[in-house]
Amino acid sequence: MPARRLPTLEDVAARAGVSRATASRAVNLDPRVRQESRVAVEAAVSELGYRPNRAARSLVNREADSIAVVVPEAEDRVFADPFFAAMLASITQRLADSPVQVLLAMGQPGDGREKIERYLRGGYTDGAIIVSHHRDDDLSDVLHETKLPAVYVGRPYAGDVGIPWVDVDNVSGAALAAEHLIAQGRRRLATIAGPQDMAAGADRLAGWSAALRAAGLDAGLVEYGDFSSSSGAVAMERLLETAPDLDAVFVASDLMAVAAMHEVQSRGIDVPEQIAIVGFDDTHAAQLTRPPLTTVINPVGELAGRAVDLLMEMMNGESVDPVVLQTELVRRTSG
């Protein structure tokens, strides 16, 4: 069977009912293109699956022009979570001595995600690093269809194959937190788990639960958050109502853990004498709480660096494999 012919810019222009020159200007985001023509060209690009031949452009330039850091989350979430800021800063720093530009694409479910998909299909970047991945995201479909070189930061949810990733060992990290609390003699333990439509949330809960069961302890005291500060506070409030006798909590992100600690202390409960608290990420905020937060290291700088390296290798035509980084517990005084 003959190979399917890839759509050309001429095909896009014909489908949109505009000249080739107008189609070219619209694809390259020229602000002089009328809105009506731009919408028609964007629709044609999406329908035909057109992607500008950046590979040919790279052969001429002998180097990539840009990569996109794609965060499929709402803007307020991205700017409020120190993990995303640290990740973007680390990726940018890794590429500081290269000619590659770093672009940021964000978007929540709905129009925001559609804009990201149009951007990736439009061929405006040479590669992508996907930070934050949910089970129902359609980004993997776009990446497979366009053959755009891409790397996930964070293991993609089960079933998404063919796109490499770099992640910390979330299962063993959560187990470290559990084992630490158990070794202190804590016996009424709970967790505030992350979202279960993300591999990090599911893996951290799995590691925690397995460690408790191995110690012969009940692993059923669980509340869920979405890694945001507000969700940590709400989940902690629920735990205190459900199990007022609990003596330790593992929280699946530092951002949630800081809020959970505030909720506990606002009720006059001493940390760690009455309730020990352990987080995950080792963000700067973990050192600012009183008492300082015991937490599991999520090595953002190394994650970012390895993701950039994998992507550059892919863009050079090399095959790459997933990378799993080990972690450790940072013992402070919250638990």
C-alpha atoms as a PDB file:
ATOM      1  CA  MET A   1       0.000   0.000   0.000  1.00  0.00           C
ATOM      2  CA  PRO A   2       1.513   3.371  -0.949  1.00  0.00           C
ATOM      3  CA  ALA A   3       2.351   5.746   1.911  1.00  0.00           C
ATOM      4  CA  ARG A   4      -0.217   8.430   2.638  1.00  0.00           C
ATOM      5  CA  ARG A   5       0.850  11.783   1.158  1.00  0.00           C
ATOM      6  CA  LEU A   6       1.463  14.382   3.811  1.00  0.00           C
ATOM      7  CA  PRO A   7      -0.680  17.509   3.459  1.00  0.00           C
ATOM      8  CA  THR A   8       1.087  20.563   2.078  1.00  0.00           C
ATOM      9  CA  LEU A   9       0.637  24.266   2.595  1.00  0.00           C
ATOM     10  CA  GLU A  10      -1.084  24.364  -0.798  1.00  0.00           C
ATOM     11  CA  ASP A  11      -3.630  21.838   0.521  1.00  0.00           C
ATOM     12  CA  VAL A  12      -4.240  24.022   3.570  1.00  0.00           C
ATOM     13  CA  ALA A  13      -4.718  27.114   1.405  1.00  0.00           C
ATOM     14  CA  ALA A  14      -7.172  25.285  -0.874  1.00  0.00           C
ATOM     15  CA  ARG A  15      -9.185  23.905   2.053  1.00  0.00           C
ATOM     16  CA  ALA A  16      -9.307  27.336   3.743  1.00  0.00           C
ATOM     17  CA  GLY A  17     -10.159  29.161   0.527  1.00  0.00           C
ATOM     18  CA  VAL A  18      -7.195  31.551   0.758  1.00  0.00           C
ATOM     19  CA  SER A  19      -3.999  32.112  -1.191  1.00  0.00           C
ATOM     20  CA  ARG A  20      -0.843  30.183  -0.366  1.00  0.00           C
ATOM     21  CA  ALA A  21       0.766  33.419   0.832  1.00  0.00           C
ATOM     22  CA  THR A  22      -2.105  34.090   3.241  1.00  0.00           C
ATOM     23  CA  ALA A  23      -1.978  30.515   4.508  1.00  0.00           C
ATOM     24  CA  SER A  24       1.757  30.854   5.100  1.00  0.00           C
ATOM     25  CA  ARG A  25       1.337  34.102   7.004  1.00  0.00           C
ATOM     26  CA  ALA A  26      -1.467  32.615   9.134  1.00  0.00           C
ATOM     27  CA  VAL A  27       0.576  29.499   9.960  1.00  0.00           C
ATOM     28  CA  ASN A  28       3.452  31.730  11.026  1.00  0.00           C
ATOM     29  CA  LEU A  29       1.153  33.861  13.242  1.00  0.00           C
ATOM     30  CA  ASP A  30       1.499  37.042  11.189  1.00  0.00           C
ATOM     31  CA  PRO A  31      -0.755  39.612  12.943  1.00  0.00           C
ATOM     32  CA  ARG A  32      -1.672  41.184   9.611  1.00  0.00           C
ATOM     33  CA  VAL A  33      -3.857  38.222   8.624  1.00  0.00           C
ATOM     34  CA  ARG A  34      -7.572  38.913   8.966  1.00  0.00           C
ATOM     35  CA  GLN A  35      -9.347  37.033  11.742  1.00  0.00           C
ATOM     36  CA  GLU A  36     -11.702  35.293   9.307  1.00  0.00           C
ATOM     37  CA  SER A  37      -8.785  33.979   7.252  1.00  0.00           C
ATOM     38  CA  ARG A  38      -6.827  32.965  10.340  1.00  0.00           C
ATOM     39  CA  VAL A  39      -9.740  30.903  11.681  1.00  0.00           C
ATOM     40  CA  ALA A  40     -10.209  29.231   8.283  1.00  0.00           C
ATOM     41  CA  VAL A  41      -6.520  28.343   8.057  1.00  0.00           C
ATOM     42  CA  GLU A  42      -6.428  27.008  11.631  1.00  0.00           C
ATOM     43  CA  ALA A  43      -9.429  24.816  10.871  1.00  0.00           C
ATOM     44  CA  ALA A  44      -7.792  23.524   7.689  1.00  0.00           C
ATOM     45  CA  VAL A  45      -4.543  22.781   9.550  1.00  0.00           C
ATOM     46  CA  SER A  46      -6.465  20.804  12.163  1.00  0.00           C
ATOM     47  CA  GLU A  47      -8.636  18.929   9.641  1.00  0.00           C
ATOM     48  CA  LEU A  48      -5.748  17.979   7.360  1.00  0.00           C
ATOM     49  CA  GLY A  49      -3.204  17.320  10.096  1.00  0.00           C
ATOM     50  CA  TYR A  50      -0.796  19.716   8.414  1.00  0.00           C
ATOM     51  CA  ARG A  51       2.534  20.350  10.074  1.00  0.00           C
ATOM     52  CA  PRO A  52       5.216  22.704   8.708  1.00  0.00           C
ATOM     53  CA  ASN A  53       8.366  20.890   7.738  1.00  0.00           C
ATOM     54  CA  ARG A  54      10.551  22.010  10.609  1.00  0.00           C
ATOM     55  CA  ALA A  55      12.842  19.058   9.998  1.00  0.00           C
ATOM     56  CA  ALA A  56      13.761  20.510   6.619  1.00  0.00           C
ATOM     57  CA  ARG A  57      14.240  23.891   8.235  1.00  0.00           C
ATOM     58  CA  SER A  58      16.570  22.326  10.792  1.00  0.00           C
ATOM     59  CA  LEU A  59      18.655  20.770   8.033  1.00  0.00           C
ATOM     60  CA  VAL A  60      19.270  24.255   6.725  1.00  0.00           C
ATOM     61  CA  ASN A  61      19.879  25.854  10.128  1.00  0.00           C
ATOM     62  CA  ARG A  62      21.611  22.754  11.570  1.00  0.00           C
ATOM     63  CA  GLU A  63      19.935  23.389  14.915  1.00  0.00           C
ATOM     64  CA  ALA A  64      16.523  23.527  16.549  1.00  0.00           C
ATOM     65  CA  ASP A  65      14.783  26.868  16.948  1.00  0.00           C
ATOM     66  CA  SER A  66      12.574  26.235  19.961  1.00  0.00           C
ATOM     67  CA  ILE A  67      11.014  23.762  22.338  1.00  0.00           C
ATOM     68  CA  ALA A  68       7.701  24.116  24.138  1.00  0.00           C
ATOM     69  CA  VAL A  69       7.142  23.409  27.814  1.00  0.00           C
ATOM     70  CA  VAL A  70       3.533  22.251  27.879  1.00  0.00           C
ATOM     71  CA  VAL A  71       1.596  22.378  31.147  1.00  0.00           C
ATOM     72  CA  PRO A  72      -2.024  21.239  30.678  1.00  0.00           C
ATOM     73  CA  GLU A  73      -3.243  23.034  33.794  1.00  0.00           C
ATOM     74  CA  ALA A  74      -5.076  26.289  34.517  1.00  0.00           C
ATOM     75  CA  GLU A  75      -2.844  29.357  34.653  1.00  0.00           C
ATOM     76  CA  ASP A  76      -3.625  30.146  38.293  1.00  0.00           C
ATOM     77  CA  ARG A  77      -2.596  26.609  39.237  1.00  0.00           C
ATOM     78  CA  VAL A  78       0.676  26.837  37.288  1.00  0.00           C
ATOM     79  CA  PHE A  79       1.742  30.136  38.824  1.00  0.00           C
ATOM     80  CA  ALA A  80       0.712  29.120  42.369  1.00  0.00           C
ATOM     81  CA  ASP A  81       2.627  25.829  42.467  1.00  0.00           C
ATOM     82  CA  PRO A  82       6.386  26.199  43.082  1.00  0.00           C
ATOM     83  CA  PHE A  83       7.025  22.870  41.345  1.00  0.00           C
ATOM     84  CA  PHE A  84       6.054  24.316  37.961  1.00  0.00           C
ATOM     85  CA  ALA A  85       8.098  27.473  38.487  1.00  0.00           C
ATOM     86  CA  ALA A  86      11.157  25.460  39.489  1.00  0.00           C
ATOM     87  CA  MET A  87      10.720  23.112  36.538  1.00  0.00           C
ATOM     88  CA  LEU A  88      10.456  25.932  34.002  1.00  0.00           C
ATOM     89  CA  ALA A  89      13.437  27.739  35.517  1.00  0.00           C
ATOM     90  CA  SER A  90      15.537  24.556  35.439  1.00  0.00           C
ATOM     91  CA  ILE A  91      14.663  23.793  31.809  1.00  0.00           C
ATOM     92  CA  THR A  92      15.482  27.347  30.787  1.00  0.00           C
ATOM     93  CA  GLN A  93      18.757  27.262  32.675  1.00  0.00           C
ATOM     94  CA  ARG A  94      19.701  23.949  31.050  1.00  0.00           C
ATOM     95  CA  LEU A  95      19.307  25.570  27.622  1.00  0.00           C
ATOM     96  CA  ALA A  96      20.837  28.935  28.559  1.00  0.00           C
ATOM     97  CA  ASP A  97      23.995  28.347  26.513  1.00  0.00           C
ATOM     98  CA  SER A  98      22.147  27.024  23.459  1.00  0.00           C
ATOM     99  CA  PRO A  99      20.297  28.949  20.719  1.00  0.00           C
ATOM    100  CA  VAL A 100      17.060  27.125  21.553  1.00  0.00           C
ATOM    101  CA  GLN A 101      14.167  29.280  22.726  1.00  0.00           C
ATOM    102  CA  VAL A 102      11.892  27.947  25.486  1.00  0.00           C
ATOM    103  CA  LEU A 103       8.180  28.596  24.986  1.00  0.00           C
ATOM    104  CA  LEU A 104       5.463  28.043  27.598  1.00  0.00           C
ATOM    105  CA  ALA A 105       2.053  26.650  26.660  1.00  0.00           C
ATOM    106  CA  MET A 106      -0.632  26.326  29.349  1.00  0.00           C
ATOM    107  CA  GLY A 107      -4.293  25.453  29.257  1.00  0.00           C
ATOM    108  CA  GLN A 108      -7.027  23.965  31.405  1.00  0.00           C
ATOM    109  CA  PRO A 109      -9.697  21.557  30.094  1.00  0.00           C
ATOM    110  CA  GLY A 110     -11.753  23.122  27.315  1.00  0.00           C
ATOM    111  CA  ASP A 111     -10.562  25.982  25.168  1.00  0.00           C
ATOM    112  CA  GLY A 112      -7.147  26.083  26.836  1.00  0.00           C
ATOM    113  CA  ARG A 113      -6.373  22.474  25.931  1.00  0.00           C
ATOM    114  CA  GLU A 114      -7.661  23.018  22.391  1.00  0.00           C
ATOM    115  CA  LYS A 115      -5.255  25.930  21.967  1.00  0.00           C
ATOM    116  CA  ILE A 116      -2.363  23.726  23.089  1.00  0.00           C
ATOM    117  CA  GLU A 117      -3.382  21.012  20.627  1.00  0.00           C
ATOM    118  CA  ARG A 118      -3.641  23.506  17.761  1.00  0.00           C
ATOM    119  CA  TYR A 119      -0.239  24.870  18.664  1.00  0.00           C
ATOM    120  CA  LEU A 120       1.392  21.436  18.676  1.00  0.00           C
ATOM    121  CA  ARG A 121      -0.325  20.402  15.447  1.00  0.00           C
ATOM    122  CA  GLY A 122       0.697  23.673  13.816  1.00  0.00           C
ATOM    123  CA  GLY A 123       4.379  22.784  13.921  1.00  0.00           C
ATOM    124  CA  TYR A 124       5.477  25.982  15.651  1.00  0.00           C
ATOM    125  CA  THR A 125       8.060  24.202  17.791  1.00  0.00           C
ATOM    126  CA  ASP A 126      10.730  21.548  17.249  1.00  0.00           C
ATOM    127  CA  GLY A 127       9.915  19.545  20.366  1.00  0.00           C
ATOM    128  CA  ALA A 128       7.929  19.514  23.590  1.00  0.00           C
ATOM    129  CA  ILE A 129       8.393  18.726  27.265  1.00  0.00           C
ATOM    130  CA  ILE A 130       5.055  17.827  28.849  1.00  0.00           C
ATOM    131  CA  VAL A 131       4.879  18.710  32.548  1.00  0.00           C
ATOM    132  CA  SER A 132       1.817  17.374  34.381  1.00  0.00           C
ATOM    133  CA  HIS A 133      -0.155  14.657  32.662  1.00  0.00           C
ATOM    134  CA  HIS A 134      -3.685  13.445  33.424  1.00  0.00           C
ATOM    135  CA  ARG A 135      -5.249  10.177  32.331  1.00  0.00           C
ATOM    136  CA  ASP A 136      -7.853  11.884  30.137  1.00  0.00           C
ATOM    137  CA  ASP A 137      -5.464  14.285  28.405  1.00  0.00           C
ATOM    138  CA  ASP A 138      -5.592  14.083  24.607  1.00  0.00           C
ATOM    139  CA  LEU A 139      -2.043  15.361  24.226  1.00  0.00           C
ATOM    140  CA  SER A 140      -0.596  11.902  23.700  1.00  0.00           C
ATOM    141  CA  ASP A 141      -2.859  11.441  20.678  1.00  0.00           C
ATOM    142  CA  VAL A 142      -1.612  14.717  19.223  1.00  0.00           C
ATOM    143  CA  LEU A 143       2.022  13.788  19.843  1.00  0.00           C
ATOM    144  CA  HIS A 144       1.621  10.389  18.216  1.00  0.00           C
ATOM    145  CA  GLU A 145      -0.212  11.830  15.203  1.00  0.00           C
ATOM    146  CA  THR A 146       2.246  14.650  14.568  1.00  0.00           C
ATOM    147  CA  LYS A 147       5.399  12.637  15.387  1.00  0.00           C
ATOM    148  CA  LEU A 148       6.609  15.684  17.290  1.00  0.00           C
ATOM    149  CA  PRO A 149       9.638  14.795  19.462  1.00  0.00           C
ATOM    150  CA  ALA A 150       8.367  14.947  23.044  1.00  0.00           C
ATOM    151  CA  VAL A 151       9.246  13.891  26.574  1.00  0.00           C
ATOM    152  CA  TYR A 152       7.024  13.663  29.632  1.00  0.00           C
ATOM    153  CA  VAL A 153       8.186  14.893  33.024  1.00  0.00           C
ATOM    154  CA  GLY A 154       6.362  12.391  35.186  1.00  0.00           C
ATOM    155  CA  ARG A 155       5.451   8.896  34.084  1.00  0.00           C
ATOM    156  CA  PRO A 156       2.446   9.030  31.781  1.00  0.00           C
ATOM    157  CA  TYR A 157      -0.619   7.179  32.930  1.00  0.00           C
ATOM    158  CA  ALA A 158      -0.739   3.455  32.112  1.00  0.00           C
ATOM    159  CA  GLY A 159      -1.549   2.775  28.481  1.00  0.00           C
ATOM    160  CA  ASP A 160       0.362   5.666  26.959  1.00  0.00           C
ATOM    161  CA  VAL A 161       3.343   4.048  25.259  1.00  0.00           C
ATOM    162  CA  GLY A 162       5.916   5.207  22.772  1.00  0.00           C
ATOM    163  CA  ILE A 163       6.691   8.592  24.326  1.00  0.00           C
ATOM    164  CA  PRO A 164       9.700   8.624  26.685  1.00  0.00           C
ATOM    165  CA  TRP A 165       9.559  10.080  30.170  1.00  0.00           C
ATOM    166  CA  VAL A 166      11.645  10.924  33.203  1.00  0.00           C
ATOM    167  CA  ASP A 167      10.315  10.602  36.739  1.00  0.00           C
ATOM    168  CA  VAL A 168      11.270  10.059  40.346  1.00  0.00           C
ATOM    169  CA  ASP A 169      10.460   6.707  41.947  1.00  0.00           C
ATOM    170  CA  ASN A 170       7.235   7.853  43.578  1.00  0.00           C
ATOM    171  CA  VAL A 171       6.356   4.422  44.945  1.00  0.00           C
ATOM    172  CA  SER A 172       9.580   4.007  46.916  1.00  0.00           C
ATOM    173  CA  GLY A 173       9.512   7.672  47.969  1.00  0.00           C
ATOM    174  CA  ALA A 174       6.116   7.296  49.594  1.00  0.00           C
ATOM    175  CA  ALA A 175       7.229   4.038  51.196  1.00  0.00           C
ATOM    176  CA  LEU A 176      10.181   5.897  52.745  1.00  0.00           C
ATOM    177  CA  ALA A 177       7.743   8.340  54.345  1.00  0.00           C
ATOM    178  CA  ALA A 178       5.613   5.514  55.721  1.00  0.00           C
ATOM    179  CA  GLU A 179       8.571   3.572  57.080  1.00  0.00           C
ATOM    180  CA  HIS A 180       9.949   6.695  58.748  1.00  0.00           C
ATOM    181  CA  LEU A 181       6.688   7.401  60.572  1.00  0.00           C
ATOM    182  CA  ILE A 182       6.227   3.762  61.575  1.00  0.00           C
ATOM    183  CA  ALA A 183       9.777   3.649  62.975  1.00  0.00           C
ATOM    184  CA  GLN A 184       8.837   6.573  65.228  1.00  0.00           C
ATOM    185  CA  GLY A 185       6.109   4.474  66.778  1.00  0.00           C
ATOM    186  CA  ARG A 186       3.199   6.134  65.002  1.00  0.00           C
ATOM    187  CA  ARG A 187       0.303   3.730  64.632  1.00  0.00           C
ATOM    188  CA  ARG A 188      -2.762   5.739  63.590  1.00  0.00           C
ATOM    189  CA  LEU A 189      -1.560   6.920  60.210  1.00  0.00           C
ATOM    190  CA  ALA A 190      -3.368   8.683  57.392  1.00  0.00           C
ATOM    191  CA  THR A 191      -2.477  10.105  54.004  1.00  0.00           C
ATOM    192  CA  ILE A 192      -3.625  12.970  51.837  1.00  0.00           C
ATOM    193  CA  ALA A 193      -3.159  11.455  48.408  1.00  0.00           C
ATOM    194  CA  GLY A 194      -2.739  13.276  45.124  1.00  0.00           C
ATOM    195  CA  PRO A 195      -5.152  13.040  42.160  1.00  0.00           C
ATOM    196  CA  GLN A 196      -5.598   9.450  41.068  1.00  0.00           C
ATOM    197  CA  ASP A 197      -5.828  10.363  37.374  1.00  0.00           C
ATOM    198  CA  MET A 198      -2.103  11.194  37.518  1.00  0.00           C
ATOM    199  CA  ALA A 199       0.597   8.547  37.822  1.00  0.00           C
ATOM    200  CA  ALA A 200       2.375  10.486  40.590  1.00  0.00           C
ATOM    201  CA  GLY A 201      -0.784  10.565  42.703  1.00  0.00           C
ATOM    202  CA  ALA A 202      -1.536   6.882  42.149  1.00  0.00           C
ATOM    203  CA  ASP A 203       2.068   5.749  42.673  1.00  0.00           C
ATOM    204  CA  ARG A 204       2.553   7.676  45.918  1.00  0.00           C
ATOM    205  CA  LEU A 205      -0.651   6.219  47.327  1.00  0.00           C
ATOM    206  CA  ALA A 206       0.406   2.726  46.234  1.00  0.00           C
ATOM    207  CA  GLY A 207       3.832   3.021  47.891  1.00  0.00           C
ATOM    208  CA  TRP A 208       2.328   4.349  51.129  1.00  0.00           C
ATOM    209  CA  SER A 209      -0.378   1.687  51.298  1.00  0.00           C
ATOM    210  CA  ALA A 210       2.032  -1.179  50.593  1.00  0.00           C
ATOM    211  CA  ALA A 211       4.390  -0.053  53.366  1.00  0.00           C
ATOM    212  CA  LEU A 212       1.555   0.171  55.899  1.00  0.00           C
ATOM    213  CA  ARG A 213       0.204  -3.252  54.979  1.00  0.00           C
ATOM    214  CA  ALA A 214       3.701  -4.735  55.253  1.00  0.00           C
ATOM    215  CA  ALA A 215       3.829  -3.389  58.819  1.00  0.00           C
ATOM    216  CA  GLY A 216       0.426  -4.856  59.621  1.00  0.00           C
ATOM    217  CA  LEU A 217      -1.242  -1.437  59.835  1.00  0.00           C
ATOM    218  CA  ASP A 218      -4.509  -0.148  58.415  1.00  0.00           C
ATOM    219  CA  ALA A 219      -3.990   1.682  55.116  1.00  0.00           C
ATOM    220  CA  GLY A 220      -7.591   2.763  54.683  1.00  0.00           C
ATOM    221  CA  LEU A 221      -7.435   6.242  56.202  1.00  0.00           C
ATOM    222  CA  VAL A 222      -7.140   8.277  52.988  1.00  0.00           C
ATOM    223  CA  GLU A 223      -8.353  11.658  51.763  1.00  0.00           C
ATOM    224  CA  TYR A 224      -7.634  13.085  48.317  1.00  0.00           C
ATOM    225  CA  GLY A 225      -6.367  16.404  47.023  1.00  0.00           C
ATOM    226  CA  ASP A 226      -5.300  17.745  43.642  1.00  0.00           C
ATOM    227  CA  PHE A 227      -1.805  18.902  44.714  1.00  0.00           C
ATOM    228  CA  SER A 228      -3.121  22.418  45.371  1.00  0.00           C
ATOM    229  CA  SER A 229      -2.843  24.208  48.709  1.00  0.00           C
ATOM    230  CA  SER A 230      -6.592  24.579  49.167  1.00  0.00           C
ATOM    231  CA  SER A 231      -7.218  20.886  48.572  1.00  0.00           C
ATOM    232  CA  GLY A 232      -4.662  20.013  51.253  1.00  0.00           C
ATOM    233  CA  ALA A 233      -6.455  22.134  53.826  1.00  0.00           C
ATOM    234  CA  VAL A 234      -9.858  20.631  52.995  1.00  0.00           C
ATOM    235  CA  ALA A 235      -8.513  17.074  53.073  1.00  0.00           C
ATOM    236  CA  MET A 236      -6.831  17.658  56.437  1.00  0.00           C
ATOM    237  CA  GLU A 237     -10.063  19.031  57.869  1.00  0.00           C
ATOM    238  CA  ARG A 238     -11.859  15.865  56.761  1.00  0.00           C
ATOM    239  CA  LEU A 239      -9.222  13.628  58.293  1.00  0.00           C
ATOM    240  CA  LEU A 240      -9.457  15.387  61.653  1.00  0.00           C
ATOM    241  CA  GLU A 241     -13.216  14.954  61.635  1.00  0.00           C
ATOM    242  CA  THR A 242     -13.014  11.286  60.588  1.00  0.00           C
ATOM    243  CA  ALA A 243     -10.105  10.248  62.807  1.00  0.00           C
ATOM    244  CA  PRO A 244      -9.463  12.716  65.646  1.00  0.00           C
ATOM    245  CA  ASP A 245      -7.054  10.182  67.190  1.00  0.00           C
ATOM    246  CA  LEU A 246      -4.666  10.050  64.211  1.00  0.00           C
ATOM    247  CA  ASP A 247      -1.013  10.640  65.044  1.00  0.00           C
ATOM    248  CA  ALA A 248       0.705  10.944  61.630  1.00  0.00           C
ATOM    249  CA  VAL A 249      -0.097  12.134  58.119  1.00  0.00           C
ATOM    250  CA  PHE A 250       1.823  11.672  54.887  1.00  0.00           C
ATOM    251  CA  VAL A 251       0.838  14.367  52.397  1.00  0.00           C
ATOM    252  CA  ALA A 252       1.595  13.719  48.713  1.00  0.00           C
ATOM    253  CA  SER A 253       2.947  17.219  47.980  1.00  0.00           C
ATOM    254  CA  ASP A 254       4.609  19.943  50.017  1.00  0.00           C
ATOM    255  CA  LEU A 255       2.057  22.506  48.864  1.00  0.00           C
ATOM    256  CA  MET A 256      -0.751  20.404  50.318  1.00  0.00           C
ATOM    257  CA  ALA A 257       1.363  19.555  53.379  1.00  0.00           C
ATOM    258  CA  VAL A 258       1.973  23.199  54.304  1.00  0.00           C
ATOM    259  CA  ALA A 259      -1.764  23.888  54.170  1.00  0.00           C
ATOM    260  CA  ALA A 260      -2.488  20.712  56.138  1.00  0.00           C
ATOM    261  CA  MET A 261      -0.044  21.780  58.841  1.00  0.00           C
ATOM    262  CA  HIS A 262      -1.714  25.174  59.122  1.00  0.00           C
ATOM    263  CA  GLU A 263      -5.085  23.458  59.482  1.00  0.00           C
ATOM    264  CA  VAL A 264      -3.768  21.225  62.275  1.00  0.00           C
ATOM    265  CA  GLN A 265      -2.052  24.055  64.151  1.00  0.00           C
ATOM    266  CA  SER A 266      -5.103  26.316  63.853  1.00  0.00           C
ATOM    267  CA  ARG A 267      -6.923  23.798  66.044  1.00  0.00           C
ATOM    268  CA  GLY A 268      -4.241  23.963  68.734  1.00  0.00           C
ATOM    269  CA  ILE A 269      -2.801  20.561  67.823  1.00  0.00           C
ATOM    270  CA  ASP A 270       0.977  20.327  68.227  1.00  0.00           C
ATOM    271  CA  VAL A 271       3.171  19.238  65.320  1.00  0.00           C
ATOM    272  CA  PRO A 272       4.907  16.813  65.702  1.00  0.00           C
ATOM    273  CA  GLU A 273       4.090  15.892  69.315  1.00  0.00           C
ATOM    274  CA  GLN A 274       0.452  15.039  68.600  1.00  0.00           C
ATOM    275  CA  ILE A 275       0.461  14.685  64.817  1.00  0.00           C
ATOM    276  CA  ALA A 276       3.589  14.154  62.717  1.00  0.00           C
ATOM    277  CA  ILE A 277       3.448  15.447  59.137  1.00  0.00           C
ATOM    278  CA  VAL A 278       5.612  14.402  56.166  1.00  0.00           C
ATOM    279  CA  GLY A 279       5.398  15.929  52.691  1.00  0.00           C
ATOM    280  CA  PHE A 280       6.734  15.168  49.238  1.00  0.00           C
ATOM    281  CA  ASP A 281       8.810  17.378  46.881  1.00  0.00           C
ATOM    282  CA  ASP A 282      11.288  19.186  49.185  1.00  0.00           C
ATOM    283  CA  THR A 283      10.330  22.617  47.875  1.00  0.00           C
ATOM    284  CA  HIS A 284      11.684  25.797  49.452  1.00  0.00           C
ATOM    285  CA  ALA A 285       8.443  26.124  51.423  1.00  0.00           C
ATOM    286  CA  ALA A 286       9.309  22.958  53.360  1.00  0.00           C
ATOM    287  CA  GLN A 287      12.104  24.841  55.097  1.00  0.00           C
ATOM    288  CA  LEU A 288       9.907  27.817  56.008  1.00  0.00           C
ATOM    289  CA  THR A 289       7.193  26.062  57.996  1.00  0.00           C
ATOM    290  CA  ARG A 290       7.358  25.972  61.782  1.00  0.00           C
ATOM    291  CA  PRO A 291       8.400  23.309  62.478  1.00  0.00           C
ATOM    292  CA  PRO A 292      10.308  22.707  59.219  1.00  0.00           C
ATOM    293  CA  LEU A 293       8.710  20.012  57.102  1.00  0.00           C
ATOM    294  CA  THR A 294      10.123  16.502  56.831  1.00  0.00           C
ATOM    295  CA  THR A 295       9.689  15.579  53.185  1.00  0.00           C
ATOM    296  CA  VAL A 296      10.719  13.344  50.291  1.00  0.00           C
ATOM    297  CA  ILE A 297      13.016  14.827  47.657  1.00  0.00           C
ATOM    298  CA  ASN A 298      11.573  15.335  44.180  1.00  0.00           C
ATOM    299  CA  PRO A 299      14.749  16.408  42.295  1.00  0.00           C
ATOM    300  CA  VAL A 300      13.277  19.051  39.985  1.00  0.00           C
ATOM    301  CA  GLY A 301      16.606  20.228  38.603  1.00  0.00           C
ATOM    302  CA  GLU A 302      17.699  16.724  37.688  1.00  0.00           C
ATOM    303  CA  LEU A 303      14.280  15.867  36.252  1.00  0.00           C
ATOM    304  CA  ALA A 304      14.406  18.967  34.062  1.00  0.00           C
ATOM    305  CA  GLY A 305      17.976  18.339  32.945  1.00  0.00           C
ATOM    306  CA  ARG A 306      17.337  14.729  32.008  1.00  0.00           C
ATOM    307  CA  ALA A 307      14.139  15.685  30.172  1.00  0.00           C
ATOM    308  CA  VAL A 308      16.020  18.279  28.100  1.00  0.00           C
ATOM    309  CA  ASP A 309      18.789  15.790  27.344  1.00  0.00           C
ATOM    310  CA  LEU A 310      16.305  13.125  26.239  1.00  0.00           C
ATOM    311  CA  LEU A 311      14.484  15.578  24.007  1.00  0.00           C
ATOM    312  CA  MET A 312      17.674  16.812  22.346  1.00  0.00           C
ATOM    313  CA  GLU A 313      18.730  13.229  21.689  1.00  0.00           C
ATOM    314  CA  MET A 314      15.341  12.502  20.086  1.00  0.00           C
ATOM    315  CA  MET A 315      15.581  15.620  17.934  1.00  0.00           C
ATOM    316  CA  ASN A 316      18.975  14.337  16.752  1.00  0.00           C
ATOM    317  CA  GLY A 317      17.334  11.101  15.649  1.00  0.00           C
ATOM    318  CA  GLU A 318      18.521   8.964  18.574  1.00  0.00           C
ATOM    319  CA  SER A 319      16.359   6.428  20.402  1.00  0.00           C
ATOM    320  CA  VAL A 320      15.879   6.974  24.133  1.00  0.00           C
ATOM    321  CA  ASP A 321      14.446   5.066  27.085  1.00  0.00           C
ATOM    322  CA  PRO A 322      12.488   6.217  30.152  1.00  0.00           C
ATOM    323  CA  VAL A 323      14.526   7.397  33.144  1.00  0.00           C
ATOM    324  CA  VAL A 324      13.632   6.729  36.786  1.00  0.00           C
ATOM    325  CA  LEU A 325      15.469   8.747  39.447  1.00  0.00           C
ATOM    326  CA  GLN A 326      15.858   7.594  43.035  1.00  0.00           C
ATOM    327  CA  THR A 327      14.871   9.728  45.987  1.00  0.00           C
ATOM    328  CA  GLU A 328      15.476  10.076  49.707  1.00  0.00           C
ATOM    329  CA  LEU A 329      13.805  11.428  52.808  1.00  0.00           C
ATOM    330  CA  VAL A 330      14.905  14.778  54.249  1.00  0.00           C
ATOM    331  CA  ARG A 331      14.416  14.577  58.019  1.00  0.00           C
ATOM    332  CA  ARG A 332      13.398  17.845  59.632  1.00  0.00           C
ATOM    333  CA  THR A 333      11.249  18.319  62.728  1.00  0.00           C
ATOM    334  CA  SER A 334       7.615  18.088  61.586  1.00  0.00           C
ATOM    335  CA  GLY A 335       7.645  14.332  61.745  1.00  0.00           C
END
